[in-house]
Amino acid sequence: AAALYYLDLYFHWIPDTMVFVVVLLIVLLGAYVLAYPKYHASQVTA
């Protein structure tokens, strides 16, 4: 996500910062659910 964010600073792919925030959160929560109980909620938040 960090690498994508820096690429977007150069190429301006993402139309709205909130899109980046929402997609990142959804992907992280998806990984949290699929891998449960591998990660603690605090680790995903981190």
All heavy atoms as atom14 arrays in JSON, in Angstrom:
{
  "sequence": "AAALYYLDLYFHWIPDTMVFVVVLLIVLLGAYVLAYPKYHASQVTA",
  "atom14_mask": [
    [1, 1, 1, 1, 1, 0, 0, 0, 0, 0, 0, 0, 0, 0],
    [1, 1, 1, 1, 1, 0, 0, 0, 0, 0, 0, 0, 0, 0],
    [1, 1, 1, 1, 1, 0, 0, 0, 0, 0, 0, 0, 0, 0],
    [1, 1, 1, 1, 1, 1, 1, 1, 0, 0, 0, 0, 0, 0],
    [1, 1, 1, 1, 1, 1, 1, 1, 1, 1, 1, 1, 0, 0],
    [1, 1, 1, 1, 1, 1, 1, 1, 1, 1, 1, 1, 0, 0],
    [1, 1, 1, 1, 1, 1, 1, 1, 0, 0, 0, 0, 0, 0],
    [1, 1, 1, 1, 1, 1, 1, 1, 0, 0, 0, 0, 0, 0],
    [1, 1, 1, 1, 1, 1, 1, 1, 0, 0, 0, 0, 0, 0],
    [1, 1, 1, 1, 1, 1, 1, 1, 1, 1, 1, 1, 0, 0],
    [1, 1, 1, 1, 1, 1, 1, 1, 1, 1, 1, 0, 0, 0],
    [1, 1, 1, 1, 1, 1, 1, 1, 1, 1, 0, 0, 0, 0],
    [1, 1, 1, 1, 1, 1, 1, 1, 1, 1, 1, 1, 1, 1],
    [1, 1, 1, 1, 1, 1, 1, 1, 0, 0, 0, 0, 0, 0],
    [1, 1, 1, 1, 1, 1, 1, 0, 0, 0, 0, 0, 0, 0],
    [1, 1, 1, 1, 1, 1, 1, 1, 0, 0, 0, 0, 0, 0],
    [1, 1, 1, 1, 1, 1, 1, 0, 0, 0, 0, 0, 0, 0],
    [1, 1, 1, 1, 1, 1, 1, 1, 0, 0, 0, 0, 0, 0],
    [1, 1, 1, 1, 1, 1, 1, 0, 0, 0, 0, 0, 0, 0],
    [1, 1, 1, 1, 1, 1, 1, 1, 1, 1, 1, 0, 0, 0],
    [1, 1, 1, 1, 1, 1, 1, 0, 0, 0, 0, 0, 0, 0],
    [1, 1, 1, 1, 1, 1, 1, 0, 0, 0, 0, 0, 0, 0],
    [1, 1, 1, 1, 1, 1, 1, 0, 0, 0, 0, 0, 0, 0],
    [1, 1, 1, 1, 1, 1, 1, 1, 0, 0, 0, 0, 0, 0],
    [1, 1, 1, 1, 1, 1, 1, 1, 0, 0, 0, 0, 0, 0],
    [1, 1, 1, 1, 1, 1, 1, 1, 0, 0, 0, 0, 0, 0],
    [1, 1, 1, 1, 1, 1, 1, 0, 0, 0, 0, 0, 0, 0],
    [1, 1, 1, 1, 1, 1, 1, 1, 0, 0, 0, 0, 0, 0],
    [1, 1, 1, 1, 1, 1, 1, 1, 0, 0, 0, 0, 0, 0],
    [1, 1, 1, 1, 0, 0, 0, 0, 0, 0, 0, 0, 0, 0],
    [1, 1, 1, 1, 1, 0, 0, 0, 0, 0, 0, 0, 0, 0],
    [1, 1, 1, 1, 1, 1, 1, 1, 1, 1, 1, 1, 0, 0],
    [1, 1, 1, 1, 1, 1, 1, 0, 0, 0, 0, 0, 0, 0],
    [1, 1, 1, 1, 1, 1, 1, 1, 0, 0, 0, 0, 0, 0],
    [1, 1, 1, 1, 1, 0, 0, 0, 0, 0, 0, 0, 0, 0],
    [1, 1, 1, 1, 1, 1, 1, 1, 1, 1, 1, 1, 0, 0],
    [1, 1, 1, 1, 1, 1, 1, 0, 0, 0, 0, 0, 0, 0],
    [1, 1, 1, 1, 1, 1, 1, 1, 1, 0, 0, 0, 0, 0],
    [1, 1, 1, 1, 1, 1, 1, 1, 1, 1, 1, 1, 0, 0],
    [1, 1, 1, 1, 1, 1, 1, 1, 1, 1, 0, 0, 0, 0],
    [1, 1, 1, 1, 1, 0, 0, 0, 0, 0, 0, 0, 0, 0],
    [1, 1, 1, 1, 1, 1, 0, 0, 0, 0, 0, 0, 0, 0],
    [1, 1, 1, 1, 1, 1, 1, 1, 1, 0, 0, 0, 0, 0],
    [1, 1, 1, 1, 1, 1, 1, 0, 0, 0, 0, 0, 0, 0],
    [1, 1, 1, 1, 1, 1, 1, 0, 0, 0, 0, 0, 0, 0],
    [1, 1, 1, 1, 1, 0, 0, 0, 0, 0, 0, 0, 0, 0]
  ],
  "atom14_positions": [
    [[0.83, -1.2, 0.0], [0.0, 0.0, 0.0], [0.86, 1.25, 0.0], [0.57, 2.23, -0.7], [-0.93, 0.0, 1.22], [0.0, 0.0, 0.0], [0.0, 0.0, 0.0], [0.0, 0.0, 0.0], [0.0, 0.0, 0.0], [0.0, 0.0, 0.0], [0.0, 0.0, 0.0], [0.0, 0.0, 0.0], [0.0, 0.0, 0.0], [0.0, 0.0, 0.0]],
    [[1.95, 1.23, 0.78], [2.86, 2.38, 0.83], [3.52, 2.61, -0.53], [3.62, 3.75, -1.0], [3.92, 2.16, 1.9], [0.0, 0.0, 0.0], [0.0, 0.0, 0.0], [0.0, 0.0, 0.0], [0.0, 0.0, 0.0], [0.0, 0.0, 0.0], [0.0, 0.0, 0.0], [0.0, 0.0, 0.0], [0.0, 0.0, 0.0], [0.0, 0.0, 0.0]],
    [[3.98, 1.54, -1.15], [4.62, 1.65, -2.47], [3.62, 2.19, -3.49], [3.96, 3.05, -4.33], [5.16, 0.29, -2.91], [0.0, 0.0, 0.0], [0.0, 0.0, 0.0], [0.0, 0.0, 0.0], [0.0, 0.0, 0.0], [0.0, 0.0, 0.0], [0.0, 0.0, 0.0], [0.0, 0.0, 0.0], [0.0, 0.0, 0.0], [0.0, 0.0, 0.0]],
    [[2.38, 1.7, -3.45], [1.34, 2.16, -4.36], [1.04, 3.64, -4.14], [0.85, 4.39, -5.1], [0.06, 1.33, -4.16], [-1.16, 1.75, -5.0], [-0.85, 1.6, -6.49], [-2.38, 0.92, -4.62], [0.0, 0.0, 0.0], [0.0, 0.0, 0.0], [0.0, 0.0, 0.0], [0.0, 0.0, 0.0], [0.0, 0.0, 0.0], [0.0, 0.0, 0.0]],
    [[1.04, 4.04, -2.88], [0.77, 5.45, -2.56], [1.84, 6.35, -3.17], [1.53, 7.4, -3.75], [0.73, 5.63, -1.04], [0.59, 7.07, -0.61], [-0.66, 7.7, -0.64], [1.69, 7.81, -0.18], [-0.79, 9.02, -0.27], [1.56, 9.13, 0.18], [0.31, 9.73, 0.15], [0.19, 11.06, 0.51], [0.0, 0.0, 0.0], [0.0, 0.0, 0.0]],
    [[3.11, 5.94, -3.07], [4.18, 6.76, -3.64], [4.14, 6.77, -5.16], [4.43, 7.78, -5.79], [5.54, 6.25, -3.13], [5.92, 6.88, -1.81], [5.63, 6.24, -0.61], [6.54, 8.13, -1.76], [5.96, 6.82, 0.6], [6.87, 8.72, -0.56], [6.58, 8.07, 0.63], [6.89, 8.66, 1.81], [0.0, 0.0, 0.0], [0.0, 0.0, 0.0]],
    [[3.76, 5.65, -5.75], [3.6, 5.62, -7.2], [2.48, 6.56, -7.63], [2.59, 7.24, -8.66], [3.28, 4.19, -7.68], [4.46, 3.22, -7.74], [3.96, 1.8, -8.04], [5.48, 3.65, -8.8], [0.0, 0.0, 0.0], [0.0, 0.0, 0.0], [0.0, 0.0, 0.0], [0.0, 0.0, 0.0], [0.0, 0.0, 0.0], [0.0, 0.0, 0.0]],
    [[1.43, 6.62, -6.82], [0.31, 7.5, -7.15], [0.69, 8.98, -7.05], [0.15, 9.81, -7.76], [-0.88, 7.21, -6.22], [-2.08, 8.08, -6.53], [-2.64, 7.94, -7.63], [-2.44, 8.92, -5.67], [0.0, 0.0, 0.0], [0.0, 0.0, 0.0], [0.0, 0.0, 0.0], [0.0, 0.0, 0.0], [0.0, 0.0, 0.0], [0.0, 0.0, 0.0]],
    [[1.64, 9.3, -6.16], [2.11, 10.68, -6.06], [2.74, 11.13, -7.38], [2.71, 12.32, -7.72], [3.13, 10.81, -4.93], [2.6, 10.77, -3.5], [3.76, 10.85, -2.51], [1.6, 11.87, -3.24], [0.0, 0.0, 0.0], [0.0, 0.0, 0.0], [0.0, 0.0, 0.0], [0.0, 0.0, 0.0], [0.0, 0.0, 0.0], [0.0, 0.0, 0.0]],
    [[3.27, 10.17, -8.11], [3.93, 10.49, -9.39], [2.98, 10.36, -10.58], [2.93, 11.23, -11.44], [5.13, 9.56, -9.58], [5.98, 9.92, -10.77], [6.86, 11.0, -10.73], [5.92, 9.18, -11.95], [7.65, 11.33, -11.83], [6.7, 9.5, -13.05], [7.56, 10.58, -12.98], [8.34, 10.9, -14.07], [0.0, 0.0, 0.0], [0.0, 0.0, 0.0]],
    [[2.19, 9.27, -10.58], [1.34, 9.01, -11.74], [-0.1, 9.51, -11.58], [-0.84, 9.63, -12.56], [1.29, 7.5, -12.03], [2.6, 6.96, -12.54], [3.41, 6.18, -11.72], [3.01, 7.22, -13.83], [4.62, 5.67, -12.18], [4.22, 6.72, -14.31], [5.03, 5.95, -13.48], [0.0, 0.0, 0.0], [0.0, 0.0, 0.0], [0.0, 0.0, 0.0]],
    [[-0.52, 9.76, -10.33], [-1.88, 10.24, -10.05], [-2.95, 9.29, -10.59], [-3.86, 9.67, -11.31], [-2.08, 11.65, -10.63], [-1.08, 12.65, -10.16], [-1.04, 13.12, -8.87], [-0.04, 13.25, -10.82], [-0.04, 13.97, -8.74], [0.58, 14.06, -9.9], [0.0, 0.0, 0.0], [0.0, 0.0, 0.0], [0.0, 0.0, 0.0], [0.0, 0.0, 0.0]],
    [[-2.82, 8.03, -10.22], [-3.78, 7.02, -10.64], [-5.08, 7.08, -9.84], [-6.17, 6.9, -10.36], [-3.18, 5.62, -10.48], [-2.08, 5.3, -11.42], [-1.92, 5.77, -12.69], [-0.97, 4.43, -11.19], [-0.79, 5.25, -13.26], [-0.18, 4.42, -12.38], [-0.56, 3.64, -10.12], [0.98, 3.65, -12.5], [0.59, 2.88, -10.24], [1.35, 2.89, -11.41]],
    [[-4.95, 7.29, -8.53], [-6.11, 7.2, -7.63], [-6.85, 8.53, -7.63], [-6.26, 9.57, -7.3], [-5.66, 6.84, -6.21], [-4.87, 5.52, -6.22], [-6.86, 6.72, -5.27], [-4.23, 5.15, -4.91], [0.0, 0.0, 0.0], [0.0, 0.0, 0.0], [0.0, 0.0, 0.0], [0.0, 0.0, 0.0], [0.0, 0.0, 0.0], [0.0, 0.0, 0.0]],
    [[-8.14, 8.54, -7.99], [-8.88, 9.8, -8.13], [-9.16, 10.5, -6.81], [-9.32, 11.72, -6.77], [-10.19, 9.36, -8.81], [-10.34, 7.93, -8.41], [-8.96, 7.37, -8.35], [0.0, 0.0, 0.0], [0.0, 0.0, 0.0], [0.0, 0.0, 0.0], [0.0, 0.0, 0.0], [0.0, 0.0, 0.0], [0.0, 0.0, 0.0], [0.0, 0.0, 0.0]],
    [[-9.22, 9.74, -5.72], [-9.58, 10.32, -4.42], [-8.83, 9.56, -3.33], [-8.77, 8.32, -3.34], [-11.09, 10.2, -4.2], [-11.56, 10.99, -2.98], [-10.76, 11.18, -2.05], [-12.72, 11.43, -2.98], [0.0, 0.0, 0.0], [0.0, 0.0, 0.0], [0.0, 0.0, 0.0], [0.0, 0.0, 0.0], [0.0, 0.0, 0.0], [0.0, 0.0, 0.0]],
    [[-8.25, 10.3, -2.38], [-7.5, 9.67, -1.3], [-8.37, 8.71, -0.49], [-7.9, 7.68, 0.0], [-6.91, 10.74, -0.36], [-6.11, 11.64, -1.11], [-6.05, 10.09, 0.72], [0.0, 0.0, 0.0], [0.0, 0.0, 0.0], [0.0, 0.0, 0.0], [0.0, 0.0, 0.0], [0.0, 0.0, 0.0], [0.0, 0.0, 0.0], [0.0, 0.0, 0.0]],
    [[-9.66, 9.04, -0.35], [-10.56, 8.18, 0.41], [-10.7, 6.81, -0.24], [-10.93, 5.81, 0.44], [-11.93, 8.84, 0.54], [-12.0, 9.89, 1.64], [-11.5, 9.28, 3.27], [-12.7, 7.99, 3.54], [0.0, 0.0, 0.0], [0.0, 0.0, 0.0], [0.0, 0.0, 0.0], [0.0, 0.0, 0.0], [0.0, 0.0, 0.0], [0.0, 0.0, 0.0]],
    [[-10.56, 6.74, -1.57], [-10.59, 5.46, -2.26], [-9.44, 4.6, -1.76], [-9.61, 3.4, -1.47], [-10.49, 5.65, -3.79], [-10.36, 4.3, -4.5], [-11.7, 6.41, -4.31], [0.0, 0.0, 0.0], [0.0, 0.0, 0.0], [0.0, 0.0, 0.0], [0.0, 0.0, 0.0], [0.0, 0.0, 0.0], [0.0, 0.0, 0.0], [0.0, 0.0, 0.0]],
    [[-8.27, 5.19, -1.65], [-7.08, 4.48, -1.16], [-7.31, 3.99, 0.27], [-7.02, 2.83, 0.6], [-5.87, 5.42, -1.21], [-4.63, 4.86, -0.58], [-3.87, 3.91, -1.24], [-4.21, 5.29, 0.67], [-2.72, 3.39, -0.67], [-3.06, 4.79, 1.25], [-2.31, 3.83, 0.58], [0.0, 0.0, 0.0], [0.0, 0.0, 0.0], [0.0, 0.0, 0.0]],
    [[-7.86, 4.84, 1.12], [-8.1, 4.5, 2.52], [-9.08, 3.34, 2.64], [-8.83, 2.36, 3.35], [-8.64, 5.72, 3.3], [-9.01, 5.33, 4.73], [-7.62, 6.85, 3.31], [0.0, 0.0, 0.0], [0.0, 0.0, 0.0], [0.0, 0.0, 0.0], [0.0, 0.0, 0.0], [0.0, 0.0, 0.0], [0.0, 0.0, 0.0], [0.0, 0.0, 0.0]],
    [[-10.19, 3.44, 1.93], [-11.25, 2.42, 2.02], [-10.76, 1.08, 1.48], [-10.97, 0.03, 2.11], [-12.51, 2.89, 1.26], [-13.53, 1.75, 1.18], [-13.13, 4.09, 1.96], [0.0, 0.0, 0.0], [0.0, 0.0, 0.0], [0.0, 0.0, 0.0], [0.0, 0.0, 0.0], [0.0, 0.0, 0.0], [0.0, 0.0, 0.0], [0.0, 0.0, 0.0]],
    [[-10.1, 1.09, 0.32], [-9.61, -0.16, -0.27], [-8.59, -0.82, 0.64], [-8.62, -2.05, 0.85], [-9.01, 0.09, -1.67], [-8.32, -1.17, -2.19], [-10.1, 0.52, -2.64], [0.0, 0.0, 0.0], [0.0, 0.0, 0.0], [0.0, 0.0, 0.0], [0.0, 0.0, 0.0], [0.0, 0.0, 0.0], [0.0, 0.0, 0.0], [0.0, 0.0, 0.0]],
    [[-7.67, -0.05, 1.19], [-6.66, -0.6, 2.1], [-7.32, -1.24, 3.31], [-6.95, -2.35, 3.72], [-5.69, 0.51, 2.55], [-4.68, 0.11, 3.64], [-3.81, -1.05, 3.18], [-3.81, 1.31, 4.02], [0.0, 0.0, 0.0], [0.0, 0.0, 0.0], [0.0, 0.0, 0.0], [0.0, 0.0, 0.0], [0.0, 0.0, 0.0], [0.0, 0.0, 0.0]],
    [[-8.3, -0.57, 3.88], [-8.99, -1.11, 5.06], [-9.72, -2.4, 4.72], [-9.68, -3.37, 5.49], [-9.97, -0.07, 5.61], [-10.68, -0.42, 6.92], [-9.66, -0.72, 8.02], [-11.6, 0.71, 7.35], [0.0, 0.0, 0.0], [0.0, 0.0, 0.0], [0.0, 0.0, 0.0], [0.0, 0.0, 0.0], [0.0, 0.0, 0.0], [0.0, 0.0, 0.0]],
    [[-10.39, -2.42, 3.57], [-11.13, -3.63, 3.16], [-10.17, -4.81, 2.94], [-10.43, -5.93, 3.38], [-11.94, -3.35, 1.88], [-13.1, -2.4, 2.19], [-12.47, -4.65, 1.28], [-13.87, -1.94, 0.96], [0.0, 0.0, 0.0], [0.0, 0.0, 0.0], [0.0, 0.0, 0.0], [0.0, 0.0, 0.0], [0.0, 0.0, 0.0], [0.0, 0.0, 0.0]],
    [[-9.04, -4.55, 2.27], [-8.06, -5.61, 2.01], [-7.5, -6.14, 3.33], [-7.35, -7.36, 3.51], [-6.93, -5.09, 1.1], [-5.8, -6.12, 1.01], [-7.47, -4.78, -0.28], [0.0, 0.0, 0.0], [0.0, 0.0, 0.0], [0.0, 0.0, 0.0], [0.0, 0.0, 0.0], [0.0, 0.0, 0.0], [0.0, 0.0, 0.0], [0.0, 0.0, 0.0]],
    [[-7.16, -5.24, 4.24], [-6.61, -5.66, 5.53], [-7.61, -6.48, 6.34], [-7.26, -7.52, 6.91], [-6.18, -4.43, 6.34], [-4.81, -3.85, 6.01], [-4.57, -2.57, 6.78], [-3.71, -4.87, 6.32], [0.0, 0.0, 0.0], [0.0, 0.0, 0.0], [0.0, 0.0, 0.0], [0.0, 0.0, 0.0], [0.0, 0.0, 0.0], [0.0, 0.0, 0.0]],
    [[-8.84, -6.02, 6.38], [-9.87, -6.75, 7.12], [-10.17, -8.09, 6.44], [-10.47, -9.09, 7.12], [-11.13, -5.92, 7.25], [-11.01, -4.69, 8.17], [-12.31, -3.9, 8.19], [-10.65, -5.13, 9.59], [0.0, 0.0, 0.0], [0.0, 0.0, 0.0], [0.0, 0.0, 0.0], [0.0, 0.0, 0.0], [0.0, 0.0, 0.0], [0.0, 0.0, 0.0]],
    [[-10.07, -8.12, 5.1], [-10.25, -9.37, 4.38], [-9.17, -10.37, 4.76], [-9.46, -11.56, 5.01], [0.0, 0.0, 0.0], [0.0, 0.0, 0.0], [0.0, 0.0, 0.0], [0.0, 0.0, 0.0], [0.0, 0.0, 0.0], [0.0, 0.0, 0.0], [0.0, 0.0, 0.0], [0.0, 0.0, 0.0], [0.0, 0.0, 0.0], [0.0, 0.0, 0.0]],
    [[-7.92, -9.89, 4.81], [-6.8, -10.75, 5.21], [-6.97, -11.21, 6.66], [-6.68, -12.37, 7.0], [-5.48, -10.0, 5.05], [0.0, 0.0, 0.0], [0.0, 0.0, 0.0], [0.0, 0.0, 0.0], [0.0, 0.0, 0.0], [0.0, 0.0, 0.0], [0.0, 0.0, 0.0], [0.0, 0.0, 0.0], [0.0, 0.0, 0.0], [0.0, 0.0, 0.0]],
    [[-7.46, -10.33, 7.49], [-7.7, -10.65, 8.92], [-8.74, -11.76, 9.06], [-8.54, -12.72, 9.82], [-8.17, -9.37, 9.62], [-8.63, -9.56, 11.05], [-7.79, -10.13, 12.0], [-9.89, -9.13, 11.46], [-8.21, -10.28, 13.32], [-10.31, -9.25, 12.76], [-9.48, -9.84, 13.7], [-9.89, -9.98, 15.0], [0.0, 0.0, 0.0], [0.0, 0.0, 0.0]],
    [[-9.81, -11.67, 8.3], [-10.89, -12.66, 8.36], [-10.44, -14.01, 7.79], [-10.66, -15.07, 8.38], [-12.14, -12.16, 7.62], [-13.18, -13.27, 7.48], [-12.75, -10.96, 8.35], [0.0, 0.0, 0.0], [0.0, 0.0, 0.0], [0.0, 0.0, 0.0], [0.0, 0.0, 0.0], [0.0, 0.0, 0.0], [0.0, 0.0, 0.0], [0.0, 0.0, 0.0]],
    [[-9.8, -13.97, 6.62], [-9.39, -15.21, 5.95], [-8.31, -15.97, 6.74], [-8.26, -17.19, 6.7], [-8.87, -14.89, 4.54], [-9.93, -14.39, 3.54], [-9.27, -13.98, 2.23], [-10.99, -15.46, 3.29], [0.0, 0.0, 0.0], [0.0, 0.0, 0.0], [0.0, 0.0, 0.0], [0.0, 0.0, 0.0], [0.0, 0.0, 0.0], [0.0, 0.0, 0.0]],
    [[-7.47, -15.22, 7.43], [-6.37, -15.85, 8.18], [-6.72, -16.11, 9.65], [-5.9, -16.62, 10.39], [-5.13, -14.98, 8.1], [0.0, 0.0, 0.0], [0.0, 0.0, 0.0], [0.0, 0.0, 0.0], [0.0, 0.0, 0.0], [0.0, 0.0, 0.0], [0.0, 0.0, 0.0], [0.0, 0.0, 0.0], [0.0, 0.0, 0.0], [0.0, 0.0, 0.0]],
    [[-7.91, -15.73, 10.05], [-8.31, -15.84, 11.47], [-8.1, -17.27, 11.99], [-8.42, -18.23, 11.3], [-9.79, -15.46, 11.61], [-10.24, -15.35, 13.05], [-10.06, -14.16, 13.75], [-10.83, -16.43, 13.7], [-10.45, -14.05, 15.08], [-11.22, -16.32, 15.02], [-11.03, -15.14, 15.71], [-11.42, -15.04, 17.02], [0.0, 0.0, 0.0], [0.0, 0.0, 0.0]],
    [[-7.5, -17.44, 13.18], [-7.12, -16.43, 14.18], [-5.62, -16.12, 14.16], [-5.04, -15.91, 15.22], [-7.51, -17.12, 15.48], [-7.17, -18.57, 15.21], [-7.42, -18.8, 13.75], [0.0, 0.0, 0.0], [0.0, 0.0, 0.0], [0.0, 0.0, 0.0], [0.0, 0.0, 0.0], [0.0, 0.0, 0.0], [0.0, 0.0, 0.0], [0.0, 0.0, 0.0]],
    [[-5.0, -16.13, 13.01], [-3.56, -15.9, 12.92], [-3.17, -14.53, 13.44], [-2.15, -14.38, 14.12], [-3.1, -16.05, 11.47], [-1.6, -15.88, 11.28], [-1.19, -16.09, 9.84], [0.32, -15.94, 9.67], [0.74, -16.16, 8.25], [0.0, 0.0, 0.0], [0.0, 0.0, 0.0], [0.0, 0.0, 0.0], [0.0, 0.0, 0.0], [0.0, 0.0, 0.0]],
    [[-3.96, -13.49, 13.12], [-3.63, -12.12, 13.53], [-4.57, -11.64, 14.62], [-5.77, -11.97, 14.62], [-3.73, -11.16, 12.34], [-2.83, -11.52, 11.19], [-3.35, -11.97, 9.98], [-1.44, -11.42, 11.32], [-2.52, -12.31, 8.92], [-0.6, -11.75, 10.26], [-1.15, -12.2, 9.08], [-0.32, -12.54, 8.04], [0.0, 0.0, 0.0], [0.0, 0.0, 0.0]],
    [[-4.02, -10.85, 15.51], [-4.84, -10.18, 16.51], [-5.34, -8.87, 15.89], [-4.67, -8.29, 15.03], [-4.02, -9.89, 17.76], [-4.85, -9.42, 18.93], [-5.22, -8.11, 19.1], [-5.39, -10.11, 19.97], [-5.93, -8.0, 20.2], [-6.06, -9.2, 20.75], [0.0, 0.0, 0.0], [0.0, 0.0, 0.0], [0.0, 0.0, 0.0], [0.0, 0.0, 0.0]],
    [[-6.5, -8.42, 16.33], [-7.07, -7.19, 15.78], [-6.11, -6.01, 15.92], [-6.03, -5.14, 15.03], [-8.4, -6.87, 16.46], [0.0, 0.0, 0.0], [0.0, 0.0, 0.0], [0.0, 0.0, 0.0], [0.0, 0.0, 0.0], [0.0, 0.0, 0.0], [0.0, 0.0, 0.0], [0.0, 0.0, 0.0], [0.0, 0.0, 0.0], [0.0, 0.0, 0.0]],
    [[-5.37, -5.97, 17.02], [-4.42, -4.87, 17.24], [-3.3, -4.88, 16.21], [-2.77, -3.83, 15.85], [-3.83, -4.95, 18.66], [-3.11, -6.16, 18.83], [0.0, 0.0, 0.0], [0.0, 0.0, 0.0], [0.0, 0.0, 0.0], [0.0, 0.0, 0.0], [0.0, 0.0, 0.0], [0.0, 0.0, 0.0], [0.0, 0.0, 0.0], [0.0, 0.0, 0.0]],
    [[-2.92, -6.07, 15.71], [-1.86, -6.15, 14.71], [-2.34, -5.63, 13.36], [-1.6, -4.94, 12.66], [-1.39, -7.6, 14.58], [-0.67, -8.12, 15.82], [-0.28, -9.57, 15.67], [-1.08, -10.41, 15.27], [0.97, -9.88, 15.99], [0.0, 0.0, 0.0], [0.0, 0.0, 0.0], [0.0, 0.0, 0.0], [0.0, 0.0, 0.0], [0.0, 0.0, 0.0]],
    [[-3.58, -5.94, 13.01], [-4.15, -5.42, 11.76], [-4.28, -3.91, 11.85], [-3.99, -3.19, 10.88], [-5.52, -6.07, 11.49], [-6.16, -5.48, 10.23], [-5.37, -7.58, 11.34], [0.0, 0.0, 0.0], [0.0, 0.0, 0.0], [0.0, 0.0, 0.0], [0.0, 0.0, 0.0], [0.0, 0.0, 0.0], [0.0, 0.0, 0.0], [0.0, 0.0, 0.0]],
    [[-4.7, -3.42, 12.99], [-4.78, -1.98, 13.21], [-3.4, -1.34, 13.08], [-3.26, -0.25, 12.52], [-5.35, -1.67, 14.6], [-6.64, -2.3, 14.74], [-5.51, -0.18, 14.82], [0.0, 0.0, 0.0], [0.0, 0.0, 0.0], [0.0, 0.0, 0.0], [0.0, 0.0, 0.0], [0.0, 0.0, 0.0], [0.0, 0.0, 0.0], [0.0, 0.0, 0.0]],
    [[-2.38, -2.04, 13.57], [-1.01, -1.52, 13.51], [-0.54, -1.4, 12.06], [0.17, -0.45, 11.71], [-0.07, -2.43, 14.29], [0.0, 0.0, 0.0], [0.0, 0.0, 0.0], [0.0, 0.0, 0.0], [0.0, 0.0, 0.0], [0.0, 0.0, 0.0], [0.0, 0.0, 0.0], [0.0, 0.0, 0.0], [0.0, 0.0, 0.0], [0.0, 0.0, 0.0]]
  ]
}
